[in-house]
Amino acid sequence: MGKKKNRPFSGQQIESNLLVPHNFPTFFIIHRESTDKDTFHGVSPFLVEKAISSALGEVKSTKKLRSGNLLVEVNSPTQAKKVLNIKTLSTIAVTVTPHATLNSSKGVISCELTERSC
């Protein structure tokens, strides 16, 4: 048999490619700036898709939310940097912010050793 590989305690394998950053915001909200409280509901989806693809390239997904804002999921850290610099989509003034909850995760970590020692 072969030599046994050392693995982390949890049983997960360590990524061998450490050059690619994996922790960058991937979800962004694009909000339309307007004094009349206009949203993207009346804007052509073809215009939005063309403006986003010309500014960022091919993104993973673009969705229109109930609030009228756009949710954009990017593929790479360079797209994440580019999307934050967007000020207009075609002729529409916008603001871009990272999504408050989709870019993070919550969880509880428990350890059996600490439970037994109490």
Protein backbone atom coordinates (compact mmCIF):
# COMPACT_ATOMS: atom_id res chain seq x y z
CA MET A 1 0.00 0.00 0.00
CA GLY A 2 0.97 3.62 -0.40
CA LYS A 3 2.12 6.06 2.20
CA LYS A 4 -0.64 7.55 4.37
CA LYS A 5 -1.27 11.25 3.70
CA ASN A 6 -1.50 13.71 6.57
CA ARG A 7 -4.86 15.45 6.53
CA PRO A 8 -6.46 18.09 8.76
CA PHE A 9 -8.31 16.97 11.88
CA SER A 10 -11.75 17.49 10.36
CA GLY A 11 -11.08 15.15 7.48
CA GLN A 12 -11.20 17.89 4.86
CA GLN A 13 -8.49 18.03 2.26
CA ILE A 14 -6.23 21.05 2.01
CA GLU A 15 -6.36 22.98 -1.25
CA SER A 16 -3.11 22.57 -3.14
CA ASN A 17 -3.59 25.77 -5.16
CA LEU A 18 -2.99 28.53 -2.63
CA LEU A 19 -2.54 31.30 -5.21
CA VAL A 20 -6.25 31.69 -5.99
CA PRO A 21 -8.05 33.75 -3.31
CA HIS A 22 -11.28 32.08 -2.25
CA ASN A 23 -12.54 34.66 0.20
CA PHE A 24 -13.87 37.61 -1.75
CA PRO A 25 -17.40 39.01 -1.84
CA THR A 26 -19.35 37.33 -4.63
CA PHE A 27 -22.82 38.86 -4.21
CA PHE A 28 -23.51 42.54 -4.86
CA ILE A 29 -26.62 44.72 -4.78
CA ILE A 30 -27.01 47.31 -7.52
CA HIS A 31 -29.41 50.05 -6.41
CA ARG A 32 -30.78 52.66 -8.79
CA GLU A 33 -30.11 56.23 -7.63
CA SER A 34 -33.20 58.32 -8.28
CA THR A 35 -35.06 61.19 -6.66
CA ASP A 36 -38.37 59.64 -7.76
CA LYS A 37 -37.57 56.28 -6.09
CA ASP A 38 -37.41 54.54 -9.47
CA THR A 39 -36.35 50.89 -9.53
CA PHE A 40 -35.20 48.46 -12.19
CA HIS A 41 -38.76 47.14 -12.70
CA GLY A 42 -39.30 49.41 -15.71
CA VAL A 43 -35.83 48.95 -17.21
CA SER A 44 -35.29 46.55 -20.10
CA PRO A 45 -33.53 43.35 -18.96
CA PHE A 46 -31.59 43.35 -22.25
CA LEU A 47 -30.20 46.81 -21.49
CA VAL A 48 -29.20 45.73 -17.97
CA GLU A 49 -27.52 42.54 -19.18
CA LYS A 50 -25.64 44.36 -21.93
CA ALA A 51 -24.43 47.07 -19.52
CA ILE A 52 -23.27 44.55 -16.91
CA SER A 53 -21.52 42.27 -19.41
CA SER A 54 -19.73 45.23 -21.02
CA ALA A 55 -18.52 46.48 -17.62
CA LEU A 56 -17.62 43.13 -16.02
CA GLY A 57 -17.59 40.42 -18.65
CA GLU A 58 -19.55 37.21 -18.11
CA VAL A 59 -20.97 37.08 -14.56
CA LYS A 60 -22.34 34.00 -12.81
CA SER A 61 -25.88 35.35 -12.38
CA THR A 62 -27.97 38.51 -12.38
CA LYS A 63 -31.39 38.60 -10.72
CA LYS A 64 -33.99 41.28 -10.17
CA LEU A 65 -35.18 41.35 -6.55
CA ARG A 66 -38.68 42.17 -5.30
CA SER A 67 -37.35 45.50 -4.04
CA GLY A 68 -36.42 46.46 -7.60
CA ASN A 69 -32.68 46.18 -6.98
CA LEU A 70 -30.37 43.85 -8.88
CA LEU A 71 -28.45 40.97 -7.29
CA VAL A 72 -25.25 40.20 -9.18
CA GLU A 73 -23.05 37.17 -8.49
CA VAL A 74 -19.49 37.49 -9.82
CA ASN A 75 -16.97 34.80 -10.73
CA SER A 76 -13.62 36.26 -9.72
CA PRO A 77 -11.92 38.78 -7.43
CA THR A 78 -11.20 41.05 -10.41
CA GLN A 79 -14.91 41.19 -11.24
CA ALA A 80 -15.61 41.95 -7.57
CA LYS A 81 -13.27 44.95 -7.73
CA LYS A 82 -14.76 46.12 -11.04
CA VAL A 83 -18.38 45.89 -9.89
CA LEU A 84 -17.68 48.16 -6.91
CA ASN A 85 -16.42 50.86 -9.28
CA ILE A 86 -19.61 50.94 -11.40
CA LYS A 87 -21.38 54.29 -11.15
CA THR A 88 -23.73 54.00 -14.15
CA LEU A 89 -25.41 51.22 -16.13
CA SER A 90 -25.87 52.70 -19.58
CA THR A 91 -27.44 56.06 -18.61
CA ILE A 92 -28.82 54.99 -15.21
CA ALA A 93 -26.99 56.21 -12.08
CA VAL A 94 -26.44 53.35 -9.63
CA THR A 95 -24.73 52.51 -6.35
CA VAL A 96 -23.15 49.12 -5.74
CA THR A 97 -22.70 47.52 -2.32
CA PRO A 98 -21.74 44.00 -1.22
CA HIS A 99 -24.75 41.99 -0.04
CA ALA A 100 -25.07 42.09 3.74
CA THR A 101 -25.80 38.40 4.40
CA LEU A 102 -24.98 36.32 1.31
CA ASN A 103 -21.24 37.01 1.56
CA SER A 104 -20.93 35.52 5.04
CA SER A 105 -21.84 32.39 6.90
CA LYS A 106 -22.77 31.67 10.49
CA GLY A 107 -22.34 28.47 12.38
CA VAL A 108 -21.72 26.79 15.68
CA ILE A 109 -18.54 24.86 16.28
CA SER A 110 -18.58 22.28 19.02
CA CYS A 111 -15.88 20.00 20.25
CA GLU A 112 -16.51 16.79 22.15
CA LEU A 113 -13.33 17.20 24.20
CA THR A 114 -14.48 20.45 25.77
CA GLU A 115 -17.91 19.02 26.55
CA ARG A 116 -16.40 16.06 28.42
CA SER A 117 -14.00 18.16 30.46
CA CYS A 118 -16.77 20.36 31.90
